[in-house]
N, C-alpha and C. Protein backbone atom coordinates (compact mmCIF):
# COMPACT_ATOMS: atom_id res chain seq x y z
N MET A 1 12.39 2.83 6.58
CA MET A 1 12.19 2.58 7.98
C MET A 1 10.55 1.84 8.04
N LYS A 2 10.61 1.07 8.89
CA LYS A 2 9.28 0.47 9.04
C LYS A 2 8.71 1.09 10.28
N ALA A 3 7.43 1.16 10.34
CA ALA A 3 6.76 1.56 11.75
C ALA A 3 6.10 0.43 12.26
N GLU A 4 5.12 0.61 13.27
CA GLU A 4 4.62 -0.38 13.84
C GLU A 4 3.68 -1.24 13.03
N ASN A 5 3.73 -2.58 13.17
CA ASN A 5 2.91 -3.45 12.27
C ASN A 5 3.41 -3.51 10.94
N ASN A 6 4.75 -2.99 10.91
CA ASN A 6 5.53 -3.05 9.35
C ASN A 6 4.88 -2.16 8.50
N LEU A 7 4.17 -0.98 8.76
CA LEU A 7 3.69 -0.01 7.87
C LEU A 7 5.08 0.84 7.23
N PRO A 8 4.97 1.03 6.12
CA PRO A 8 6.07 1.78 5.50
C PRO A 8 5.98 3.15 5.98
N HIS A 9 6.90 3.87 6.02
CA HIS A 9 6.98 5.22 6.36
C HIS A 9 7.80 6.12 5.63
N ARG A 10 7.17 7.28 5.65
CA ARG A 10 8.02 8.60 5.17
C ARG A 10 7.41 9.71 5.93
N PRO A 11 7.97 10.64 5.99
CA PRO A 11 7.40 11.94 6.79
C PRO A 11 5.99 12.21 6.10
N LEU A 12 5.08 12.33 7.07
CA LEU A 12 3.67 12.80 6.66
C LEU A 12 3.26 14.05 7.28
N PHE A 13 2.43 14.89 6.71
CA PHE A 13 1.83 16.02 7.39
C PHE A 13 0.21 15.53 7.67
N ILE A 14 -0.05 15.42 8.92
CA ILE A 14 -1.27 15.01 9.29
C ILE A 14 -2.04 16.22 10.25
N VAL A 15 -3.32 16.27 9.97
CA VAL A 15 -3.89 17.26 10.71
C VAL A 15 -5.24 16.49 11.56
N PHE A 16 -5.37 17.12 12.81
CA PHE A 16 -6.37 16.87 13.48
C PHE A 16 -7.33 17.85 13.59
N ASP A 17 -8.67 17.74 13.36
CA ASP A 17 -9.60 18.73 13.34
C ASP A 17 -10.97 18.37 13.82
N GLY A 18 -11.80 19.30 13.96
CA GLY A 18 -13.20 18.93 14.35
C GLY A 18 -13.67 19.92 15.29
N MET A 19 -14.82 19.59 16.05
CA MET A 19 -15.50 20.46 17.07
C MET A 19 -14.45 20.40 18.28
N ASP A 20 -14.68 21.55 18.99
CA ASP A 20 -14.06 21.59 20.42
C ASP A 20 -14.71 20.54 21.29
N GLY A 21 -13.83 20.23 22.14
CA GLY A 21 -14.27 19.18 23.17
C GLY A 21 -14.34 17.77 22.72
N THR A 22 -13.73 17.51 21.55
CA THR A 22 -13.65 16.06 21.11
C THR A 22 -12.37 15.31 21.46
N GLY A 23 -11.38 15.97 22.13
CA GLY A 23 -10.27 15.36 22.52
C GLY A 23 -9.09 15.44 21.86
N LYS A 24 -9.17 16.41 20.83
CA LYS A 24 -7.86 16.42 19.87
C LYS A 24 -6.41 16.54 20.44
N THR A 25 -6.37 17.39 21.55
CA THR A 25 -5.12 17.44 21.99
C THR A 25 -4.71 16.20 22.86
N THR A 26 -5.54 15.52 23.52
CA THR A 26 -5.06 14.18 24.13
C THR A 26 -4.78 13.20 22.96
N GLN A 27 -5.56 13.04 22.11
CA GLN A 27 -5.26 12.07 20.96
C GLN A 27 -4.30 12.19 20.00
N MET A 28 -3.92 13.65 19.83
CA MET A 28 -2.71 13.88 19.05
C MET A 28 -1.35 13.49 19.90
N ARG A 29 -1.44 13.90 21.09
CA ARG A 29 -0.14 13.40 22.04
C ARG A 29 -0.16 12.01 21.96
N LEU A 30 -1.20 11.18 22.09
CA LEU A 30 -1.17 9.72 22.10
C LEU A 30 -0.52 9.20 20.77
N LEU A 31 -0.96 9.72 19.57
CA LEU A 31 -0.56 9.36 18.28
C LEU A 31 1.00 9.61 18.18
N CYS A 32 1.51 10.85 18.80
CA CYS A 32 2.64 11.30 18.65
C CYS A 32 3.60 10.15 19.48
N GLN A 33 3.17 10.02 20.57
CA GLN A 33 3.95 9.05 21.46
C GLN A 33 4.09 7.71 20.80
N ARG A 34 2.99 7.23 20.28
CA ARG A 34 2.94 5.81 19.41
C ARG A 34 3.99 5.83 18.45
N LEU A 35 3.82 6.99 17.71
CA LEU A 35 4.76 6.89 16.52
C LEU A 35 6.24 7.04 16.98
N CYS A 36 6.52 7.83 17.87
CA CYS A 36 7.99 8.04 18.43
C CYS A 36 8.43 6.77 18.84
N GLU A 37 7.68 6.06 19.78
CA GLU A 37 8.06 4.61 20.19
C GLU A 37 8.31 3.68 19.07
N SER A 38 7.56 3.93 17.87
CA SER A 38 7.75 3.03 16.81
C SER A 38 9.04 3.33 15.77
N GLY A 39 9.69 4.41 16.48
CA GLY A 39 10.80 4.80 15.69
C GLY A 39 10.70 5.64 14.67
N ILE A 40 9.62 6.47 14.65
CA ILE A 40 9.17 7.58 13.63
C ILE A 40 9.19 8.85 14.28
N PRO A 41 10.24 9.68 14.01
CA PRO A 41 10.33 10.92 14.63
C PRO A 41 9.09 11.77 14.37
N THR A 42 8.57 12.54 15.28
CA THR A 42 7.03 13.14 15.00
C THR A 42 6.99 14.32 16.01
N GLU A 43 6.58 15.45 15.34
CA GLU A 43 6.50 16.79 16.00
C GLU A 43 4.91 17.20 16.04
N LEU A 44 4.60 17.78 17.11
CA LEU A 44 3.26 18.37 17.28
C LEU A 44 3.29 20.13 16.87
N THR A 45 2.29 20.53 16.18
CA THR A 45 2.31 21.76 16.10
C THR A 45 0.61 22.22 16.05
N ALA A 46 0.40 23.49 16.05
CA ALA A 46 -1.12 23.96 16.40
C ALA A 46 -1.22 25.18 15.65
N GLU A 47 -2.49 25.44 15.45
CA GLU A 47 -3.05 26.76 15.11
C GLU A 47 -4.32 27.26 15.85
N PRO A 48 -4.23 28.32 16.24
CA PRO A 48 -3.26 29.50 16.00
C PRO A 48 -1.92 29.10 16.57
N SER A 49 -0.84 29.56 15.75
CA SER A 49 0.70 29.34 16.11
C SER A 49 0.95 30.18 17.31
N SER A 50 2.26 30.13 17.62
CA SER A 50 2.73 30.95 18.63
C SER A 50 3.34 32.27 18.41
N SER A 51 3.23 32.52 17.02
CA SER A 51 3.76 33.75 16.60
C SER A 51 2.88 35.04 16.96
N PRO A 52 3.39 36.25 16.66
CA PRO A 52 2.60 37.44 17.11
C PRO A 52 1.15 37.30 16.23
N ASP A 53 1.08 36.87 15.10
CA ASP A 53 -0.10 36.61 14.31
C ASP A 53 -1.00 35.60 15.18
N GLY A 54 -0.56 34.60 15.37
CA GLY A 54 -1.37 33.75 16.33
C GLY A 54 -1.89 34.23 17.57
N GLN A 55 -0.98 34.82 18.25
CA GLN A 55 -1.31 35.43 19.57
C GLN A 55 -2.50 36.39 19.37
N ALA A 56 -2.50 37.25 18.43
CA ALA A 56 -3.60 38.14 17.91
C ALA A 56 -4.84 37.41 17.93
N LEU A 57 -4.78 36.31 17.02
CA LEU A 57 -5.80 35.37 16.91
C LEU A 57 -6.66 34.86 18.22
N ARG A 58 -5.70 34.44 19.05
CA ARG A 58 -6.01 33.91 20.39
C ARG A 58 -6.84 34.88 21.26
N ARG A 59 -6.47 36.25 21.14
CA ARG A 59 -7.24 37.33 21.87
C ARG A 59 -8.48 37.42 21.18
N ALA A 60 -8.55 37.40 19.86
CA ALA A 60 -9.91 37.44 19.43
C ALA A 60 -10.89 36.41 19.55
N LEU A 61 -10.42 35.13 19.42
CA LEU A 61 -11.19 34.06 19.90
C LEU A 61 -11.55 34.00 21.23
N SER A 62 -10.90 34.62 22.20
CA SER A 62 -11.31 34.83 23.53
C SER A 62 -12.31 35.77 23.69
N GLY A 63 -12.66 36.65 22.78
CA GLY A 63 -13.73 37.59 22.82
C GLY A 63 -12.89 39.21 23.28
N ASP A 64 -11.69 39.04 23.54
CA ASP A 64 -11.11 40.34 24.19
C ASP A 64 -11.14 41.38 23.03
N THR A 65 -10.98 41.07 21.86
CA THR A 65 -10.84 41.94 20.68
C THR A 65 -11.79 41.30 19.61
N PRO A 66 -13.01 41.84 19.76
CA PRO A 66 -14.11 41.15 18.78
C PRO A 66 -13.69 41.71 17.34
N ILE A 67 -13.75 40.83 16.29
CA ILE A 67 -13.38 41.11 14.72
C ILE A 67 -14.49 40.24 14.15
N ASN A 68 -14.78 40.60 12.88
CA ASN A 68 -15.52 39.90 11.83
C ASN A 68 -15.17 38.65 11.41
N ASN A 69 -15.95 37.90 10.78
CA ASN A 69 -15.50 36.53 10.32
C ASN A 69 -14.52 36.73 9.05
N SER A 70 -14.75 37.82 8.23
CA SER A 70 -13.86 37.84 7.09
C SER A 70 -12.31 38.36 7.76
N ARG A 71 -12.41 39.26 8.61
CA ARG A 71 -11.11 39.54 9.16
C ARG A 71 -10.43 38.39 9.85
N MET A 72 -11.07 37.79 10.70
CA MET A 72 -10.65 36.50 11.29
C MET A 72 -10.11 35.47 10.26
N ALA A 73 -10.80 35.46 9.19
CA ALA A 73 -10.29 34.25 8.27
C ALA A 73 -8.92 34.68 7.63
N ALA A 74 -8.88 35.99 7.49
CA ALA A 74 -7.81 36.66 6.86
C ALA A 74 -6.50 36.47 7.65
N MET A 75 -7.01 36.56 9.04
CA MET A 75 -5.81 36.44 9.95
C MET A 75 -5.22 35.20 10.26
N PHE A 76 -6.31 34.16 10.04
CA PHE A 76 -5.92 32.84 10.01
C PHE A 76 -4.96 32.44 8.98
N LEU A 77 -5.30 33.00 7.65
CA LEU A 77 -4.54 32.63 6.61
C LEU A 77 -3.14 33.14 6.75
N LEU A 78 -3.03 34.28 7.18
CA LEU A 78 -1.60 34.82 7.53
C LEU A 78 -0.90 34.08 8.46
N ASP A 79 -1.54 33.76 9.47
CA ASP A 79 -0.78 32.76 10.59
C ASP A 79 -0.52 31.41 9.98
N ARG A 80 -1.47 31.05 9.27
CA ARG A 80 -1.14 29.57 8.42
C ARG A 80 0.09 29.67 7.45
N ILE A 81 0.22 30.69 6.90
CA ILE A 81 1.43 30.86 5.93
C ILE A 81 2.79 30.79 6.51
N GLY A 82 2.74 31.47 7.79
CA GLY A 82 3.85 31.33 8.78
C GLY A 82 4.03 30.01 9.27
N HIS A 83 2.89 29.26 9.61
CA HIS A 83 3.02 28.18 10.12
C HIS A 83 3.63 27.04 9.24
N ASN A 84 3.30 27.24 8.00
CA ASN A 84 3.57 26.25 6.98
C ASN A 84 5.28 26.27 6.75
N ALA A 85 5.96 27.53 7.03
CA ALA A 85 7.42 27.39 7.08
C ALA A 85 7.96 26.54 8.30
N GLU A 86 7.15 26.49 9.33
CA GLU A 86 7.59 25.58 10.36
C GLU A 86 7.38 24.09 9.67
N ILE A 87 6.23 23.85 9.36
CA ILE A 87 5.90 22.37 8.65
C ILE A 87 6.86 21.98 7.72
N GLU A 88 7.22 22.70 6.74
CA GLU A 88 8.08 22.30 5.68
C GLU A 88 9.65 22.07 6.43
N ALA A 89 10.00 22.96 7.28
CA ALA A 89 11.28 22.70 8.04
C ALA A 89 11.32 21.24 8.62
N LEU A 90 10.22 20.97 9.35
CA LEU A 90 10.04 19.84 10.09
C LEU A 90 10.24 18.64 9.12
N LEU A 91 9.35 18.65 8.20
CA LEU A 91 9.29 17.50 7.06
C LEU A 91 10.71 17.39 6.47
N SER A 92 11.26 18.42 6.13
CA SER A 92 12.60 18.32 5.48
C SER A 92 13.64 17.61 6.49
N GLU A 93 13.40 17.50 7.80
CA GLU A 93 14.25 16.88 8.64
C GLU A 93 13.85 15.50 8.84
N GLY A 94 12.89 15.05 7.98
CA GLY A 94 12.32 13.78 8.17
C GLY A 94 11.38 13.39 9.29
N LYS A 95 10.80 14.54 9.63
CA LYS A 95 9.83 14.28 10.75
C LYS A 95 8.46 14.19 10.27
N THR A 96 7.53 13.28 10.88
CA THR A 96 6.22 13.64 10.83
C THR A 96 5.63 14.67 11.52
N VAL A 97 4.75 15.43 10.92
CA VAL A 97 4.05 16.56 11.66
C VAL A 97 2.62 16.25 11.87
N ILE A 98 2.20 16.70 13.11
CA ILE A 98 0.74 16.37 13.45
C ILE A 98 0.41 17.87 13.96
N SER A 99 -0.77 18.43 13.10
CA SER A 99 -1.27 19.72 13.53
C SER A 99 -2.50 19.64 13.87
N ASP A 100 -2.61 20.55 15.09
CA ASP A 100 -3.83 20.61 15.82
C ASP A 100 -4.57 21.90 15.08
N ARG A 101 -5.57 21.52 14.04
CA ARG A 101 -6.41 22.54 13.27
C ARG A 101 -5.52 22.92 12.15
N TYR A 102 -6.30 23.14 10.88
CA TYR A 102 -5.65 23.82 9.69
C TYR A 102 -6.76 24.41 8.96
N TYR A 103 -6.76 24.60 7.55
CA TYR A 103 -7.71 25.20 6.94
C TYR A 103 -9.15 24.75 6.94
N TYR A 104 -9.27 23.40 7.50
CA TYR A 104 -10.80 22.83 7.57
C TYR A 104 -11.33 23.51 8.54
N ALA A 105 -10.78 24.05 9.69
CA ALA A 105 -11.47 24.95 10.69
C ALA A 105 -11.83 26.20 10.26
N SER A 106 -10.88 26.64 9.44
CA SER A 106 -11.26 28.09 8.81
C SER A 106 -12.67 28.03 8.07
N MET A 107 -12.74 26.86 7.13
CA MET A 107 -13.90 26.71 6.35
C MET A 107 -15.18 26.54 7.29
N ALA A 108 -14.80 25.79 8.51
CA ALA A 108 -16.05 25.33 9.23
C ALA A 108 -16.43 26.61 10.11
N TYR A 109 -15.37 27.25 10.68
CA TYR A 109 -15.91 28.23 11.55
C TYR A 109 -16.17 29.70 10.89
N GLN A 110 -15.19 29.97 10.13
CA GLN A 110 -15.39 31.45 9.44
C GLN A 110 -16.04 31.30 7.97
N GLY A 111 -16.29 30.21 7.40
CA GLY A 111 -16.85 29.99 6.14
C GLY A 111 -18.42 29.87 6.40
N GLN A 112 -19.06 30.87 6.81
CA GLN A 112 -20.56 30.74 7.17
C GLN A 112 -21.10 31.39 5.81
N GLY A 113 -22.20 30.88 5.50
CA GLY A 113 -22.95 31.39 4.29
C GLY A 113 -22.23 31.44 3.04
N ASP A 114 -22.24 32.64 2.55
CA ASP A 114 -21.82 32.97 1.39
C ASP A 114 -20.32 33.12 1.43
N ASP A 115 -19.78 33.12 2.77
CA ASP A 115 -18.46 33.15 2.87
C ASP A 115 -17.53 31.81 2.59
N PHE A 116 -18.18 31.01 2.65
CA PHE A 116 -17.67 29.62 2.52
C PHE A 116 -16.58 29.42 1.41
N GLN A 117 -17.02 29.84 0.07
CA GLN A 117 -16.25 29.57 -0.95
C GLN A 117 -15.13 30.39 -0.92
N TRP A 118 -15.33 31.71 -0.60
CA TRP A 118 -14.27 32.71 -0.39
C TRP A 118 -13.10 32.21 0.64
N VAL A 119 -13.47 31.65 1.81
CA VAL A 119 -12.54 31.09 2.59
C VAL A 119 -11.79 29.97 2.15
N ALA A 120 -12.70 28.89 1.54
CA ALA A 120 -11.96 27.76 0.83
C ALA A 120 -10.98 28.17 -0.37
N ASP A 121 -11.38 29.09 -1.05
CA ASP A 121 -10.61 29.52 -2.20
C ASP A 121 -9.31 30.08 -1.84
N MET A 122 -9.20 31.06 -0.77
CA MET A 122 -8.15 31.53 -0.55
C MET A 122 -7.22 30.66 0.28
N ASN A 123 -7.55 29.58 0.77
CA ASN A 123 -6.66 28.76 1.55
C ASN A 123 -6.28 27.73 0.59
N LEU A 124 -7.24 26.94 -0.16
CA LEU A 124 -6.79 25.98 -1.11
C LEU A 124 -5.96 26.44 -2.37
N ASN A 125 -6.00 27.76 -2.59
CA ASN A 125 -5.28 28.24 -3.83
C ASN A 125 -4.07 29.10 -3.44
N CYS A 126 -3.75 29.04 -2.18
CA CYS A 126 -2.48 29.81 -1.79
C CYS A 126 -1.39 28.81 -1.99
N PRO A 127 -0.46 29.42 -2.81
CA PRO A 127 0.69 28.57 -3.07
C PRO A 127 1.64 28.44 -1.81
N HIS A 128 1.64 29.06 -0.82
CA HIS A 128 2.32 28.99 0.49
C HIS A 128 1.80 27.99 1.45
N ILE A 129 0.53 27.45 1.16
CA ILE A 129 -0.22 26.49 1.97
C ILE A 129 -0.11 25.21 1.58
N ARG A 130 0.46 24.27 2.26
CA ARG A 130 0.57 22.75 1.91
C ARG A 130 -0.66 21.99 2.14
N LYS A 131 -0.97 21.09 1.27
CA LYS A 131 -2.18 20.35 1.41
C LYS A 131 -1.74 19.03 2.17
N PRO A 132 -2.35 18.84 3.29
CA PRO A 132 -2.00 17.70 4.38
C PRO A 132 -2.13 16.35 3.50
N ASP A 133 -1.42 15.14 3.99
CA ASP A 133 -1.39 13.87 3.52
C ASP A 133 -2.60 13.37 3.98
N GLY A 134 -3.25 13.88 5.20
CA GLY A 134 -4.62 13.27 5.54
C GLY A 134 -5.13 14.15 6.69
N CYS A 135 -6.53 14.00 6.89
CA CYS A 135 -7.11 15.02 7.93
C CYS A 135 -7.84 13.91 8.72
N ILE A 136 -7.74 13.80 10.12
CA ILE A 136 -8.38 13.07 11.09
C ILE A 136 -9.52 13.88 11.61
N LEU A 137 -10.74 13.88 11.17
CA LEU A 137 -11.75 14.56 11.77
C LEU A 137 -12.61 13.92 12.85
N LEU A 138 -12.34 14.56 14.12
CA LEU A 138 -12.88 14.04 15.29
C LEU A 138 -14.42 14.53 15.41
N ASP A 139 -15.41 13.57 15.58
CA ASP A 139 -16.79 13.90 15.66
C ASP A 139 -17.31 13.32 16.73
N MET A 140 -18.35 14.16 17.41
CA MET A 140 -19.32 13.51 18.56
C MET A 140 -20.32 14.48 18.67
N SER A 141 -21.59 14.15 19.59
CA SER A 141 -22.71 15.16 19.49
C SER A 141 -22.26 16.35 20.20
N PRO A 142 -22.89 17.47 19.85
CA PRO A 142 -22.65 18.89 20.50
C PRO A 142 -22.87 18.87 22.11
N GLU A 143 -23.87 18.12 22.53
CA GLU A 143 -24.06 18.03 23.97
C GLU A 143 -22.69 17.34 24.57
N ASP A 144 -22.42 16.18 24.11
CA ASP A 144 -21.18 15.57 24.78
C ASP A 144 -19.91 16.49 24.52
N SER A 145 -19.75 17.04 23.52
CA SER A 145 -18.38 17.97 23.41
C SER A 145 -18.56 19.18 24.32
N MET A 146 -19.74 19.89 24.66
CA MET A 146 -19.85 20.87 25.64
C MET A 146 -19.52 20.15 27.01
N ALA A 147 -20.16 19.11 27.00
CA ALA A 147 -19.97 18.65 28.53
C ALA A 147 -18.54 18.42 28.82
N ARG A 148 -17.77 18.00 28.04
CA ARG A 148 -16.27 17.80 28.15
C ARG A 148 -15.56 19.20 28.39
N ILE A 149 -16.11 20.10 27.65
CA ILE A 149 -15.40 21.34 27.67
C ILE A 149 -15.85 22.18 29.00
N ARG A 150 -16.97 22.10 29.54
CA ARG A 150 -17.40 22.57 30.63
C ARG A 150 -16.82 22.07 31.91
N ALA A 151 -16.43 20.79 31.54
CA ALA A 151 -15.75 19.86 32.79
C ALA A 151 -14.31 20.31 32.95
N GLY A 152 -13.79 20.81 31.90
CA GLY A 152 -12.41 21.22 32.08
C GLY A 152 -12.24 22.68 32.13
N ARG A 153 -13.25 23.57 32.20
CA ARG A 153 -13.12 25.00 32.23
C ARG A 153 -14.24 25.67 32.87
N SER A 154 -13.93 26.80 33.54
CA SER A 154 -15.00 27.60 34.02
C SER A 154 -15.55 28.43 33.01
N SER A 155 -16.90 28.85 33.23
CA SER A 155 -17.64 29.62 32.10
C SER A 155 -16.98 30.88 31.63
N ASP A 156 -15.92 31.54 32.37
CA ASP A 156 -15.35 32.77 31.90
C ASP A 156 -14.29 32.50 31.04
N GLN A 157 -13.74 31.04 31.15
CA GLN A 157 -12.84 30.66 30.04
C GLN A 157 -13.25 30.03 28.75
N LEU A 158 -14.57 30.13 28.46
CA LEU A 158 -15.13 29.49 27.23
C LEU A 158 -14.82 30.68 26.10
N GLU A 159 -14.46 30.02 24.85
CA GLU A 159 -14.21 30.84 23.70
C GLU A 159 -15.63 31.06 23.12
N ILE A 160 -15.65 32.02 22.11
CA ILE A 160 -16.84 32.60 21.42
C ILE A 160 -17.45 31.63 20.71
N TYR A 161 -17.04 30.36 20.23
CA TYR A 161 -17.86 29.22 19.56
C TYR A 161 -18.29 28.39 20.63
N GLU A 162 -18.03 28.26 22.04
CA GLU A 162 -18.12 27.30 22.62
C GLU A 162 -19.63 27.35 23.47
N THR A 163 -20.82 27.08 22.69
CA THR A 163 -22.09 26.82 23.15
C THR A 163 -22.57 25.75 22.52
N VAL A 164 -23.45 25.05 22.80
CA VAL A 164 -24.29 23.87 22.39
C VAL A 164 -24.87 24.35 20.91
N ALA A 165 -25.21 25.48 21.00
CA ALA A 165 -25.96 25.90 19.50
C ALA A 165 -24.97 26.32 18.61
N GLN A 166 -23.77 26.91 18.99
CA GLN A 166 -22.68 26.96 18.04
C GLN A 166 -22.10 25.75 17.57
N GLN A 167 -21.94 24.79 18.53
CA GLN A 167 -21.27 23.54 18.28
C GLN A 167 -22.28 22.70 17.25
N GLU A 168 -23.75 22.49 17.41
CA GLU A 168 -24.48 22.06 16.28
C GLU A 168 -24.16 22.53 15.04
N GLN A 169 -24.02 23.97 14.82
CA GLN A 169 -23.73 24.45 13.51
C GLN A 169 -22.25 24.07 13.19
N ILE A 170 -21.50 24.21 13.97
CA ILE A 170 -20.07 23.85 13.44
C ILE A 170 -20.01 22.29 13.20
N ARG A 171 -20.63 21.52 13.85
CA ARG A 171 -20.60 20.16 13.42
C ARG A 171 -21.17 20.04 11.85
N ALA A 172 -22.18 20.54 11.73
CA ALA A 172 -22.74 20.56 10.31
C ALA A 172 -21.96 21.11 9.37
N ARG A 173 -21.31 22.21 9.69
CA ARG A 173 -20.18 22.77 8.66
C ARG A 173 -19.14 21.99 8.51
N PHE A 174 -18.54 21.10 9.54
CA PHE A 174 -17.32 20.33 9.32
C PHE A 174 -17.80 19.17 8.33
N ALA A 175 -19.17 18.75 8.54
CA ALA A 175 -19.66 17.63 7.57
C ALA A 175 -19.75 18.28 6.09
N ARG A 176 -20.06 19.48 5.99
CA ARG A 176 -20.05 20.21 4.68
C ARG A 176 -18.64 20.30 4.13
N VAL A 177 -17.56 20.75 4.96
CA VAL A 177 -16.30 20.75 4.51
C VAL A 177 -15.76 19.44 3.95
N ALA A 178 -16.13 18.37 4.82
CA ALA A 178 -15.48 16.98 4.29
C ALA A 178 -16.24 16.55 2.97
N GLU A 179 -17.46 16.89 2.89
CA GLU A 179 -18.23 16.55 1.80
C GLU A 179 -17.71 17.25 0.54
N TYR A 180 -17.26 18.55 0.60
CA TYR A 180 -16.73 19.43 -0.25
C TYR A 180 -15.28 18.94 -0.70
N LEU A 181 -14.62 18.56 -0.01
CA LEU A 181 -13.15 17.94 -0.09
C LEU A 181 -12.88 16.53 -0.54
N LYS A 182 -14.08 15.84 -0.41
CA LYS A 182 -13.97 14.38 -0.44
C LYS A 182 -13.14 13.70 -1.72
N ASP A 183 -13.16 14.47 -2.71
CA ASP A 183 -12.64 13.93 -4.06
C ASP A 183 -11.30 14.63 -4.09
N ARG A 184 -10.78 15.42 -3.45
CA ARG A 184 -9.62 16.24 -3.41
C ARG A 184 -8.53 15.77 -2.43
N GLU A 185 -9.19 15.43 -1.18
CA GLU A 185 -8.34 15.18 -0.03
C GLU A 185 -8.75 13.80 0.66
N LEU A 186 -7.95 13.38 1.44
CA LEU A 186 -8.20 12.36 2.34
C LEU A 186 -8.52 12.87 3.83
N ILE A 187 -9.91 12.75 3.95
CA ILE A 187 -10.53 13.19 5.41
C ILE A 187 -11.09 12.06 5.87
N ILE A 188 -10.72 11.53 7.00
CA ILE A 188 -11.36 10.37 7.80
C ILE A 188 -11.88 10.87 9.05
N THR A 189 -13.37 10.75 9.08
CA THR A 189 -14.10 11.20 10.36
C THR A 189 -13.97 9.89 11.27
N VAL A 190 -13.68 10.20 12.40
CA VAL A 190 -13.52 9.37 13.60
C VAL A 190 -14.53 9.84 14.72
N ASN A 191 -15.09 8.62 15.13
CA ASN A 191 -16.13 8.81 16.40
C ASN A 191 -15.29 9.14 17.59
N ALA A 192 -15.32 10.22 18.14
CA ALA A 192 -14.61 10.76 19.38
C ALA A 192 -15.42 10.25 20.69
N ALA A 193 -16.59 9.63 20.54
CA ALA A 193 -17.11 9.31 21.85
C ALA A 193 -16.46 8.00 22.20
N GLY A 194 -16.56 7.70 23.56
CA GLY A 194 -15.81 6.51 23.97
C GLY A 194 -14.68 6.69 24.92
N THR A 195 -14.10 5.87 25.41
CA THR A 195 -12.91 5.85 26.16
C THR A 195 -11.73 6.39 25.44
N VAL A 196 -10.72 6.97 26.11
CA VAL A 196 -9.40 7.34 25.44
C VAL A 196 -8.87 6.22 24.61
N ASP A 197 -8.77 5.14 25.21
CA ASP A 197 -8.24 4.01 24.46
C ASP A 197 -8.99 3.61 23.33
N GLU A 198 -10.28 3.53 23.32
CA GLU A 198 -10.97 3.20 22.22
C GLU A 198 -10.90 4.33 21.10
N VAL A 199 -10.92 5.53 21.41
CA VAL A 199 -10.82 6.55 20.38
C VAL A 199 -9.31 6.54 19.92
N SER A 200 -8.24 6.18 20.58
CA SER A 200 -6.91 6.05 20.11
C SER A 200 -6.90 4.95 19.14
N GLU A 201 -7.39 3.84 19.32
CA GLU A 201 -7.35 2.76 18.50
C GLU A 201 -7.95 3.16 17.20
N ARG A 202 -9.15 3.94 17.24
CA ARG A 202 -9.79 4.36 15.95
C ARG A 202 -8.72 5.26 15.15
N ILE A 203 -8.14 6.07 15.79
CA ILE A 203 -7.29 7.06 15.21
C ILE A 203 -5.87 6.27 14.63
N TRP A 204 -5.60 5.22 15.18
CA TRP A 204 -4.43 4.41 14.77
C TRP A 204 -4.96 3.72 13.30
N GLN A 205 -6.17 3.40 13.44
CA GLN A 205 -6.60 2.79 12.05
C GLN A 205 -6.68 3.81 11.05
N ALA A 206 -6.99 5.07 11.40
CA ALA A 206 -7.13 6.14 10.45
C ALA A 206 -5.73 6.60 10.02
N TYR A 207 -4.71 6.54 10.73
CA TYR A 207 -3.42 6.64 10.59
C TYR A 207 -2.83 5.63 9.51
N GLU A 208 -3.17 4.46 9.65
CA GLU A 208 -2.93 3.33 8.77
C GLU A 208 -3.30 3.45 7.38
N ARG A 209 -4.68 4.13 7.42
CA ARG A 209 -5.18 4.43 6.09
C ARG A 209 -4.41 5.41 5.35
N ILE A 210 -4.14 6.48 6.09
CA ILE A 210 -3.28 7.58 5.43
C ILE A 210 -1.97 7.04 4.93
N VAL A 211 -1.38 6.23 5.82
CA VAL A 211 0.06 5.69 5.46
C VAL A 211 -0.11 4.89 4.09
N TRP A 212 -1.11 3.91 3.90
CA TRP A 212 -1.15 3.15 2.72
C TRP A 212 -1.84 3.98 1.66
N ALA A 213 -2.56 4.96 1.85
CA ALA A 213 -3.17 5.90 0.76
C ALA A 213 -1.85 6.55 0.12
N LYS A 214 -0.83 6.89 0.84
CA LYS A 214 0.32 7.65 0.27
C LYS A 214 1.18 6.65 -0.40
N GLN A 215 1.10 5.42 -0.39
CA GLN A 215 1.85 4.30 -0.93
C GLN A 215 1.10 3.93 -2.32
N ALA A 216 0.01 4.43 -2.52
CA ALA A 216 -0.69 3.77 -3.76
C ALA A 216 -0.30 4.82 -5.04
């Protein structure tokens, strides 16, 4: 099968990750729509998942059930293992899978200080967690990301990581993750500032890079 612009196609597992407020949800849907219109069956997934493990994580992220970083990282690992069963099933059906977040987020959010290597190792070395074909890492200034978040939600709907100070730290941690994995995985950092169409075109170019990298 040939995709848009005669790109070769096989089912791919692609992750969107990065700071909150960078437009992941919108851009994932646009890429999914563009791929489907090109004749490439594509499904969207997300972490935390909709499983009981994922629901427990969402309560923790909201601040309703405060837990420490180590426990949260372990909960994400458990949820991710279940999520991988869904990913593998979709890929076996010939579908490209686009996930909202993956272990990059665990490394950035829960891998603080000395915990970084532990969080990285338990995800990267787990035999039941698949390595993505590519990660599209959305990036922008913390001030802009928080402005987008606040525009879409009231203050009582913000999650525990959603402050400018936290976003500054998280941006630096995602940069650390990309640097740490640069020789092992394809991670493409995309500027998320600009109009929806401008960012969408940058993401399509990143998708093209992933496709051709898998042909090499």
